[in-house]
Amino acid sequence: GKAAGARVIAAVSSEEKAQFCRDLGADETLVYPRELDRDGQKEFSSQIKKLSGGEGVDVVYDAVGGNYAEPAVRALAWKGRYLVVGFPAGIPKIPLNLTLLKGCQIVGVFWGASTLREPQGHAENMSDLFRMYADGQIKPRISARFPLENAAEALELMQDRKVLGKVVVTVD
């Protein structure tokens, strides 16, 4: 987001992750609770709007889902985009009247399918990423490396939500 010129608000599950995001350039961070009831959802949405300056955000990149999704959609500005990337917290139930009230889009971002269905677009995206990497605009943070025979440890680390950045599995 920063490399594309966006003002970034990172919503995360811990202060450690918030600091990690600030170190990467996030303009604002917001630590959300592990469990989110209806009042918590309203507060979460309100906090996002407040950090955005009050009008809401233009894009939400949601890799969490669950009860965090609806408040994120509610925090969208007019004509905003909500990107569905994943849902380890569960598949969300979003009231579709929100799309009407906000004039927003809900867009599925399924990397695997898009590489097969739109190989030219994928190649262009990868070219852009490598250019941004070469120009120093992005720098992937690798938090751990595991040989293939220890891939289960890598998956456990991800499952336990202890990953900051990327985990790499190497094949020798």
Protein backbone atom coordinates (compact mmCIF):
# COMPACT_ATOMS: atom_id res chain seq x y z
CA GLY A 1 0.00 0.00 0.00
CA LYS A 2 2.76 2.45 0.92
CA ALA A 3 4.67 1.68 -2.29
CA ALA A 4 1.51 2.53 -4.24
CA GLY A 5 1.22 5.86 -2.41
CA ALA A 6 -1.61 4.94 -0.04
CA ARG A 7 -2.07 6.15 3.51
CA VAL A 8 -2.04 2.83 5.39
CA ILE A 9 -4.02 1.89 8.49
CA ALA A 10 -2.96 -1.56 9.70
CA ALA A 11 -5.46 -3.44 11.87
CA VAL A 12 -3.74 -6.26 13.74
CA SER A 13 -4.20 -8.62 16.68
CA SER A 14 -1.29 -7.57 18.89
CA GLU A 15 0.92 -4.63 19.81
CA GLU A 16 3.93 -6.59 18.51
CA LYS A 17 2.28 -6.81 15.09
CA ALA A 18 1.32 -3.13 15.26
CA GLN A 19 4.96 -2.20 15.86
CA PHE A 20 6.01 -4.45 12.98
CA CYS A 21 3.57 -2.63 10.69
CA ARG A 22 4.75 0.80 11.88
CA ASP A 23 8.33 -0.30 11.17
CA LEU A 24 7.22 -1.17 7.63
CA GLY A 25 5.70 2.29 7.20
CA ALA A 26 2.06 2.02 8.29
CA ASP A 27 0.71 5.49 9.04
CA GLU A 28 -1.66 4.25 11.75
CA THR A 29 -2.22 1.00 13.57
CA LEU A 30 -5.21 -0.42 15.35
CA VAL A 31 -5.09 -3.46 17.64
CA TYR A 32 -8.38 -5.36 17.52
CA PRO A 33 -9.56 -7.83 20.18
CA ARG A 34 -9.38 -11.59 19.59
CA GLU A 35 -13.16 -11.89 20.03
CA LEU A 36 -15.52 -9.30 18.58
CA ASP A 37 -19.15 -9.02 19.74
CA ARG A 38 -21.67 -6.58 18.23
CA ASP A 39 -20.54 -3.65 20.43
CA GLY A 40 -16.93 -4.49 19.59
CA GLN A 41 -17.77 -4.47 15.88
CA LYS A 42 -19.27 -0.98 16.16
CA GLU A 43 -16.21 0.25 18.05
CA PHE A 44 -13.85 -1.33 15.51
CA SER A 45 -15.64 0.35 12.61
CA SER A 46 -15.69 3.66 14.47
CA GLN A 47 -11.96 3.47 15.17
CA ILE A 48 -11.17 2.79 11.50
CA LYS A 49 -13.30 5.77 10.42
CA LYS A 50 -11.68 8.01 13.03
CA LEU A 51 -8.16 7.03 11.90
CA SER A 52 -9.16 7.70 8.29
CA GLY A 53 -10.19 11.25 9.09
CA GLY A 54 -13.88 10.51 9.49
CA GLU A 55 -14.99 9.78 5.93
CA GLY A 56 -13.95 6.14 5.88
CA VAL A 57 -11.33 4.24 3.93
CA ASP A 58 -11.12 3.74 0.18
CA VAL A 59 -9.81 0.16 0.26
CA VAL A 60 -9.94 -2.64 2.81
CA TYR A 61 -7.57 -5.58 2.31
CA ASP A 62 -9.13 -8.27 4.50
CA ALA A 63 -7.13 -11.41 5.09
CA VAL A 64 -8.96 -12.23 8.36
CA GLY A 65 -12.73 -12.32 7.70
CA GLY A 66 -15.12 -13.54 10.39
CA ASN A 67 -16.69 -10.91 12.64
CA TYR A 68 -14.07 -8.38 11.52
CA ALA A 69 -15.45 -8.17 7.99
CA GLU A 70 -18.73 -6.33 8.51
CA PRO A 71 -17.23 -3.48 10.55
CA ALA A 72 -14.52 -3.12 7.90
CA VAL A 73 -17.18 -2.78 5.18
CA ARG A 74 -19.04 -0.27 7.35
CA ALA A 75 -15.80 1.73 7.59
CA LEU A 76 -15.56 2.09 3.79
CA ALA A 77 -15.93 5.50 2.22
CA TRP A 78 -18.40 6.08 -0.62
CA LYS A 79 -17.40 3.93 -3.63
CA GLY A 80 -14.81 2.05 -1.55
CA ARG A 81 -13.52 -1.43 -2.30
CA TYR A 82 -13.47 -4.35 0.09
CA LEU A 83 -10.93 -6.97 -0.98
CA VAL A 84 -11.67 -10.50 0.23
CA VAL A 85 -8.28 -12.18 0.56
CA GLY A 86 -8.88 -14.85 3.18
CA PHE A 87 -10.93 -15.75 6.22
CA PRO A 88 -9.07 -17.66 8.94
CA ALA A 89 -11.51 -16.14 11.47
CA GLY A 90 -14.42 -17.65 9.53
CA ILE A 91 -16.48 -16.91 6.44
CA PRO A 92 -18.18 -13.57 7.08
CA LYS A 93 -21.85 -12.76 6.69
CA ILE A 94 -22.01 -9.25 5.27
CA PRO A 95 -25.40 -7.53 4.92
CA LEU A 96 -25.58 -6.70 1.20
CA ASN A 97 -27.57 -3.53 1.85
CA LEU A 98 -24.19 -2.03 2.85
CA THR A 99 -23.06 -2.22 -0.78
CA LEU A 100 -26.05 -0.09 -1.76
CA LEU A 101 -25.62 2.40 1.08
CA LYS A 102 -21.92 2.83 0.37
CA GLY A 103 -21.89 2.34 -3.40
CA CYS A 104 -19.00 -0.03 -2.67
CA GLN A 105 -17.56 -3.10 -4.30
CA ILE A 106 -16.75 -6.42 -2.70
CA VAL A 107 -13.97 -8.03 -4.71
CA GLY A 108 -12.60 -11.55 -4.34
CA VAL A 109 -8.82 -11.73 -4.62
CA PHE A 110 -8.00 -15.36 -5.35
CA TRP A 111 -4.35 -15.35 -6.39
CA GLY A 112 -4.20 -18.99 -7.44
CA ALA A 113 -7.20 -18.78 -9.76
CA SER A 114 -6.17 -15.43 -11.22
CA THR A 115 -2.73 -16.76 -12.21
CA LEU A 116 -4.41 -19.50 -14.25
CA ARG A 117 -7.26 -17.42 -15.69
CA GLU A 118 -5.31 -14.23 -16.37
CA PRO A 119 -1.68 -15.24 -16.96
CA GLN A 120 -0.83 -11.98 -18.76
CA GLY A 121 -2.17 -9.88 -15.89
CA HIS A 122 -0.26 -12.07 -13.43
CA ALA A 123 2.95 -11.61 -15.42
CA GLU A 124 2.44 -7.82 -15.41
CA ASN A 125 1.79 -7.83 -11.65
CA MET A 126 4.93 -9.88 -11.01
CA SER A 127 6.94 -7.55 -13.23
CA ASP A 128 5.66 -4.58 -11.21
CA LEU A 129 6.56 -6.30 -7.93
CA PHE A 130 10.08 -7.14 -9.08
CA ARG A 131 10.56 -3.57 -10.31
CA MET A 132 9.36 -2.19 -6.95
CA TYR A 133 11.71 -4.61 -5.19
CA ALA A 134 14.65 -3.59 -7.38
CA ASP A 135 13.86 0.09 -6.74
CA GLY A 136 13.78 -0.53 -2.98
CA GLN A 137 10.09 0.37 -2.71
CA ILE A 138 9.23 -2.98 -1.14
CA LYS A 139 11.30 -5.35 0.95
CA PRO A 140 9.71 -8.62 2.04
CA ARG A 141 10.36 -9.40 5.69
CA ILE A 142 11.17 -13.05 6.34
CA SER A 143 10.52 -14.04 9.93
CA ALA A 144 11.55 -17.70 9.65
CA ARG A 145 12.98 -20.27 7.26
CA PHE A 146 12.39 -24.02 7.40
CA PRO A 147 13.71 -26.90 5.31
CA LEU A 148 10.96 -28.85 3.57
CA GLU A 149 11.17 -31.69 6.09
CA ASN A 150 10.17 -29.18 8.81
CA ALA A 151 7.28 -27.65 6.87
CA ALA A 152 4.87 -28.70 9.63
CA GLU A 153 6.66 -26.29 12.00
CA ALA A 154 6.15 -23.48 9.50
CA LEU A 155 2.45 -24.28 9.29
CA GLU A 156 2.18 -24.40 13.08
CA LEU A 157 3.81 -21.00 13.36
CA MET A 158 1.24 -19.62 10.92
CA GLN A 159 -1.66 -21.43 12.61
CA ASP A 160 -0.64 -20.00 15.98
CA ARG A 161 -0.58 -16.49 14.44
CA LYS A 162 3.04 -15.95 15.43
CA VAL A 163 4.30 -14.94 12.00
CA LEU A 164 5.52 -11.42 11.32
CA GLY A 165 6.16 -11.10 7.60
CA LYS A 166 6.76 -14.27 5.61
CA VAL A 167 7.74 -17.84 6.41
CA VAL A 168 9.89 -19.54 3.80
CA VAL A 169 10.10 -23.29 3.20
CA THR A 170 13.28 -24.21 1.36
CA VAL A 171 13.87 -27.18 -0.91
CA ASP A 172 17.49 -28.29 -1.08
